[in-house]
Amino acid sequence: MEKYKTIFGIKPNGGRFIDFVTFYQVSLVTNILDKNIEPVYFKYILEHEPGIYYIYNKKIKNVPEIFSAKHTGYYLRAIELLARYNNQECKDQLRFVVEWLRKNRNEQNKWDLGKESKDGISLPLLDSWRKDEHRIEDCTNRINRLIKKISG
């Protein structure tokens, strides 16, 4: 915004300034930015107060307070998008997510996001959640894939 003001002599407003932390921009520049620029952009995404537009509307750096909630599913979707970045510095910036996920396992070392996490997009993976163990299996598989992608 400062650069815009310097170049054009006015503050950006209205449609003149488009934030570049939306699902589309974050997706499109995955693994194509300069290796020195990508971690800086990645950090900007994590610290961006309104999150990633269309995906999650809070700062990504702040993990959800309640694990077993639909909101956590949206958070995980944002992290899944960011986990597609292959730059090791970016992966390192997501270590806090892996730690948070591991702290939220149950006694059987599995995860349960709760019934309200069923969003029709990421979950359910199985045909039915009539049994709690199916929901837990879905959640556990999703989170294990995410941890593997981040740690990868």
C-alpha atoms as a PDB file:
ATOM      1  CA  MET A   1       0.000   0.000   0.000  1.00  0.00           C
ATOM      2  CA  GLU A   2       2.916   2.312   0.756  1.00  0.00           C
ATOM      3  CA  LYS A   3       4.424   1.546  -2.651  1.00  0.00           C
ATOM      4  CA  TYR A   4       1.099   2.314  -4.338  1.00  0.00           C
ATOM      5  CA  LYS A   5       0.943   5.661  -2.509  1.00  0.00           C
ATOM      6  CA  THR A   6       4.548   6.451  -3.498  1.00  0.00           C
ATOM      7  CA  ILE A   7       3.983   5.652  -7.169  1.00  0.00           C
ATOM      8  CA  PHE A   8       0.513   7.179  -7.649  1.00  0.00           C
ATOM      9  CA  GLY A   9       0.503   9.859  -4.946  1.00  0.00           C
ATOM     10  CA  ILE A  10      -2.788   8.678  -3.441  1.00  0.00           C
ATOM     11  CA  LYS A  11      -3.875   6.027  -0.978  1.00  0.00           C
ATOM     12  CA  PRO A  12      -5.394   2.922  -2.580  1.00  0.00           C
ATOM     13  CA  ASN A  13      -9.101   2.588  -2.035  1.00  0.00           C
ATOM     14  CA  GLY A  14     -12.038   0.896  -3.643  1.00  0.00           C
ATOM     15  CA  GLY A  15     -11.062  -1.489  -6.408  1.00  0.00           C
ATOM     16  CA  ARG A  16      -7.594  -0.014  -6.905  1.00  0.00           C
ATOM     17  CA  PHE A  17      -5.962  -2.212  -4.304  1.00  0.00           C
ATOM     18  CA  ILE A  18      -6.617  -5.925  -4.342  1.00  0.00           C
ATOM     19  CA  ASP A  19      -5.234  -7.963  -1.504  1.00  0.00           C
ATOM     20  CA  PHE A  20      -3.140 -10.851  -2.782  1.00  0.00           C
ATOM     21  CA  VAL A  21      -4.076 -13.265   0.002  1.00  0.00           C
ATOM     22  CA  THR A  22      -7.085 -14.946  -1.511  1.00  0.00           C
ATOM     23  CA  PHE A  23      -7.562 -18.576  -2.389  1.00  0.00           C
ATOM     24  CA  TYR A  24      -6.816 -17.849  -6.042  1.00  0.00           C
ATOM     25  CA  GLN A  25      -3.558 -15.961  -5.601  1.00  0.00           C
ATOM     26  CA  VAL A  26      -2.241 -18.314  -2.928  1.00  0.00           C
ATOM     27  CA  SER A  27      -3.055 -21.281  -5.185  1.00  0.00           C
ATOM     28  CA  LEU A  28      -1.695 -19.806  -8.384  1.00  0.00           C
ATOM     29  CA  VAL A  29       1.728 -18.839  -7.070  1.00  0.00           C
ATOM     30  CA  THR A  30       2.349 -22.134  -5.274  1.00  0.00           C
ATOM     31  CA  ASN A  31       5.943 -23.168  -5.952  1.00  0.00           C
ATOM     32  CA  ILE A  32       6.544 -20.611  -8.721  1.00  0.00           C
ATOM     33  CA  LEU A  33       7.837 -17.608  -6.775  1.00  0.00           C
ATOM     34  CA  ASP A  34      11.540 -16.922  -6.409  1.00  0.00           C
ATOM     35  CA  LYS A  35      12.985 -19.136  -3.658  1.00  0.00           C
ATOM     36  CA  ASN A  36      13.895 -16.042  -1.593  1.00  0.00           C
ATOM     37  CA  ILE A  37      10.524 -14.318  -2.084  1.00  0.00           C
ATOM     38  CA  GLU A  38       8.301 -17.324  -1.384  1.00  0.00           C
ATOM     39  CA  PRO A  39       9.066 -17.601   2.376  1.00  0.00           C
ATOM     40  CA  VAL A  40       8.444 -13.858   2.790  1.00  0.00           C
ATOM     41  CA  TYR A  41       5.080 -14.125   1.018  1.00  0.00           C
ATOM     42  CA  PHE A  42       4.298 -17.237   3.058  1.00  0.00           C
ATOM     43  CA  LYS A  43       5.000 -15.405   6.324  1.00  0.00           C
ATOM     44  CA  TYR A  44       2.779 -12.570   5.141  1.00  0.00           C
ATOM     45  CA  ILE A  45      -0.047 -15.065   4.570  1.00  0.00           C
ATOM     46  CA  LEU A  46       0.388 -16.563   8.050  1.00  0.00           C
ATOM     47  CA  GLU A  47       0.334 -13.115   9.693  1.00  0.00           C
ATOM     48  CA  HIS A  48      -2.454 -11.674   7.535  1.00  0.00           C
ATOM     49  CA  GLU A  49      -5.238 -10.637   9.956  1.00  0.00           C
ATOM     50  CA  PRO A  50      -8.214 -11.517   7.731  1.00  0.00           C
ATOM     51  CA  GLY A  51      -6.754 -14.912   6.775  1.00  0.00           C
ATOM     52  CA  ILE A  52      -7.075 -16.323   3.267  1.00  0.00           C
ATOM     53  CA  TYR A  53     -10.138 -14.937   1.552  1.00  0.00           C
ATOM     54  CA  TYR A  54     -12.677 -17.634   0.544  1.00  0.00           C
ATOM     55  CA  ILE A  55     -11.026 -20.212   2.833  1.00  0.00           C
ATOM     56  CA  TYR A  56     -10.537 -18.974   6.394  1.00  0.00           C
ATOM     57  CA  ASN A  57     -11.289 -15.550   7.843  1.00  0.00           C
ATOM     58  CA  LYS A  58      -8.828 -15.322  10.728  1.00  0.00           C
ATOM     59  CA  LYS A  59      -5.076 -15.048  11.114  1.00  0.00           C
ATOM     60  CA  ILE A  60      -3.565 -18.423  10.158  1.00  0.00           C
ATOM     61  CA  LYS A  61      -0.785 -18.063  12.732  1.00  0.00           C
ATOM     62  CA  ASN A  62      -3.436 -18.336  15.478  1.00  0.00           C
ATOM     63  CA  VAL A  63      -4.697 -21.895  15.779  1.00  0.00           C
ATOM     64  CA  PRO A  64      -8.385 -22.366  16.644  1.00  0.00           C
ATOM     65  CA  GLU A  65      -9.146 -22.411  20.359  1.00  0.00           C
ATOM     66  CA  ILE A  66     -11.676 -25.239  20.035  1.00  0.00           C
ATOM     67  CA  PHE A  67     -10.370 -28.252  18.161  1.00  0.00           C
ATOM     68  CA  SER A  68     -13.588 -30.206  17.711  1.00  0.00           C
ATOM     69  CA  ALA A  69     -15.481 -27.660  15.621  1.00  0.00           C
ATOM     70  CA  LYS A  70     -16.512 -26.870  12.053  1.00  0.00           C
ATOM     71  CA  HIS A  71     -14.312 -23.772  12.166  1.00  0.00           C
ATOM     72  CA  THR A  72     -11.280 -26.013  12.676  1.00  0.00           C
ATOM     73  CA  GLY A  73     -12.139 -27.786   9.426  1.00  0.00           C
ATOM     74  CA  TYR A  74     -11.893 -24.466   7.586  1.00  0.00           C
ATOM     75  CA  TYR A  75      -8.589 -23.774   9.300  1.00  0.00           C
ATOM     76  CA  LEU A  76      -7.262 -27.156   8.169  1.00  0.00           C
ATOM     77  CA  ARG A  77      -8.358 -26.390   4.612  1.00  0.00           C
ATOM     78  CA  ALA A  78      -6.205 -23.244   4.709  1.00  0.00           C
ATOM     79  CA  ILE A  79      -3.250 -25.221   6.079  1.00  0.00           C
ATOM     80  CA  GLU A  80      -3.740 -27.885   3.395  1.00  0.00           C
ATOM     81  CA  LEU A  81      -3.488 -25.144   0.785  1.00  0.00           C
ATOM     82  CA  LEU A  82      -0.290 -23.803   2.342  1.00  0.00           C
ATOM     83  CA  ALA A  83       1.184 -27.291   2.743  1.00  0.00           C
ATOM     84  CA  ARG A  84       1.354 -27.493  -1.056  1.00  0.00           C
ATOM     85  CA  TYR A  85       4.331 -25.099  -0.971  1.00  0.00           C
ATOM     86  CA  ASN A  86       7.498 -27.192  -1.295  1.00  0.00           C
ATOM     87  CA  ASN A  87      10.005 -24.592  -0.116  1.00  0.00           C
ATOM     88  CA  GLN A  88      11.578 -25.951   3.094  1.00  0.00           C
ATOM     89  CA  GLU A  89      11.479 -22.532   4.749  1.00  0.00           C
ATOM     90  CA  CYS A  90       7.715 -22.479   4.172  1.00  0.00           C
ATOM     91  CA  LYS A  91       7.329 -25.985   5.571  1.00  0.00           C
ATOM     92  CA  ASP A  92       9.329 -24.921   8.635  1.00  0.00           C
ATOM     93  CA  GLN A  93       6.906 -22.046   9.178  1.00  0.00           C
ATOM     94  CA  LEU A  94       4.089 -24.607   9.528  1.00  0.00           C
ATOM     95  CA  ARG A  95       5.733 -26.642  12.310  1.00  0.00           C
ATOM     96  CA  PHE A  96       3.510 -24.936  14.888  1.00  0.00           C
ATOM     97  CA  VAL A  97       0.501 -26.554  13.177  1.00  0.00           C
ATOM     98  CA  VAL A  98       1.970 -30.046  13.499  1.00  0.00           C
ATOM     99  CA  GLU A  99       2.663 -29.448  17.198  1.00  0.00           C
ATOM    100  CA  TRP A 100      -0.885 -28.165  17.719  1.00  0.00           C
ATOM    101  CA  LEU A 101      -2.361 -31.163  15.887  1.00  0.00           C
ATOM    102  CA  ARG A 102      -0.326 -33.635  17.926  1.00  0.00           C
ATOM    103  CA  LYS A 103      -1.513 -31.984  21.149  1.00  0.00           C
ATOM    104  CA  ASN A 104      -5.114 -32.535  20.071  1.00  0.00           C
ATOM    105  CA  ARG A 105      -4.995 -36.310  19.571  1.00  0.00           C
ATOM    106  CA  ASN A 106      -7.211 -38.479  21.722  1.00  0.00           C
ATOM    107  CA  GLU A 107      -6.051 -41.346  23.946  1.00  0.00           C
ATOM    108  CA  GLN A 108      -5.876 -43.661  20.909  1.00  0.00           C
ATOM    109  CA  ASN A 109      -3.631 -41.162  19.053  1.00  0.00           C
ATOM    110  CA  LYS A 110      -6.483 -40.272  16.686  1.00  0.00           C
ATOM    111  CA  TRP A 111      -8.299 -37.052  15.892  1.00  0.00           C
ATOM    112  CA  ASP A 112     -11.974 -36.165  16.024  1.00  0.00           C
ATOM    113  CA  LEU A 113     -13.172 -32.829  14.677  1.00  0.00           C
ATOM    114  CA  GLY A 114     -16.727 -33.598  15.787  1.00  0.00           C
ATOM    115  CA  LYS A 115     -19.944 -34.110  13.849  1.00  0.00           C
ATOM    116  CA  GLU A 116     -20.185 -30.429  12.926  1.00  0.00           C
ATOM    117  CA  SER A 117     -16.964 -30.672  10.876  1.00  0.00           C
ATOM    118  CA  LYS A 118     -18.875 -32.464   8.124  1.00  0.00           C
ATOM    119  CA  ASP A 119     -18.759 -29.801   5.411  1.00  0.00           C
ATOM    120  CA  GLY A 120     -19.392 -31.816   2.251  1.00  0.00           C
ATOM    121  CA  ILE A 121     -16.112 -30.613   0.738  1.00  0.00           C
ATOM    122  CA  SER A 122     -13.224 -32.041   2.764  1.00  0.00           C
ATOM    123  CA  LEU A 123     -15.279 -34.320   4.982  1.00  0.00           C
ATOM    124  CA  PRO A 124     -16.729 -36.884   4.998  1.00  0.00           C
ATOM    125  CA  LEU A 125     -14.420 -39.135   3.063  1.00  0.00           C
ATOM    126  CA  LEU A 126     -16.334 -42.275   3.990  1.00  0.00           C
ATOM    127  CA  ASP A 127     -19.914 -42.742   2.815  1.00  0.00           C
ATOM    128  CA  SER A 128     -21.414 -42.453   6.278  1.00  0.00           C
ATOM    129  CA  TRP A 129     -20.658 -41.024   9.695  1.00  0.00           C
ATOM    130  CA  ARG A 130     -23.437 -42.894  11.445  1.00  0.00           C
ATOM    131  CA  LYS A 131     -20.749 -44.527  13.546  1.00  0.00           C
ATOM    132  CA  ASP A 132     -18.366 -42.336  15.517  1.00  0.00           C
ATOM    133  CA  GLU A 133     -15.424 -44.528  14.520  1.00  0.00           C
ATOM    134  CA  HIS A 134     -16.019 -43.658  10.836  1.00  0.00           C
ATOM    135  CA  ARG A 135     -15.868 -39.939  11.608  1.00  0.00           C
ATOM    136  CA  ILE A 136     -12.736 -40.428  13.689  1.00  0.00           C
ATOM    137  CA  GLU A 137     -11.170 -42.501  10.895  1.00  0.00           C
ATOM    138  CA  ASP A 138     -11.932 -39.742   8.361  1.00  0.00           C
ATOM    139  CA  CYS A 139     -10.544 -37.011  10.588  1.00  0.00           C
ATOM    140  CA  THR A 140      -7.458 -39.050  11.438  1.00  0.00           C
ATOM    141  CA  ASN A 141      -6.729 -39.851   7.787  1.00  0.00           C
ATOM    142  CA  ARG A 142      -7.100 -36.217   6.789  1.00  0.00           C
ATOM    143  CA  ILE A 143      -4.825 -34.972   9.548  1.00  0.00           C
ATOM    144  CA  ASN A 144      -2.224 -37.705   9.028  1.00  0.00           C
ATOM    145  CA  ARG A 145      -2.010 -36.728   5.330  1.00  0.00           C
ATOM    146  CA  LEU A 146      -1.605 -33.099   6.311  1.00  0.00           C
ATOM    147  CA  ILE A 147       1.152 -33.812   8.840  1.00  0.00           C
ATOM    148  CA  LYS A 148       2.963 -35.944   6.269  1.00  0.00           C
ATOM    149  CA  LYS A 149       2.697 -33.175   3.674  1.00  0.00           C
ATOM    150  CA  ILE A 150       4.073 -30.560   6.085  1.00  0.00           C
ATOM    151  CA  SER A 151       6.819 -32.824   7.435  1.00  0.00           C
ATOM    152  CA  GLY A 152       7.503 -34.203   4.053  1.00  0.00           C
END
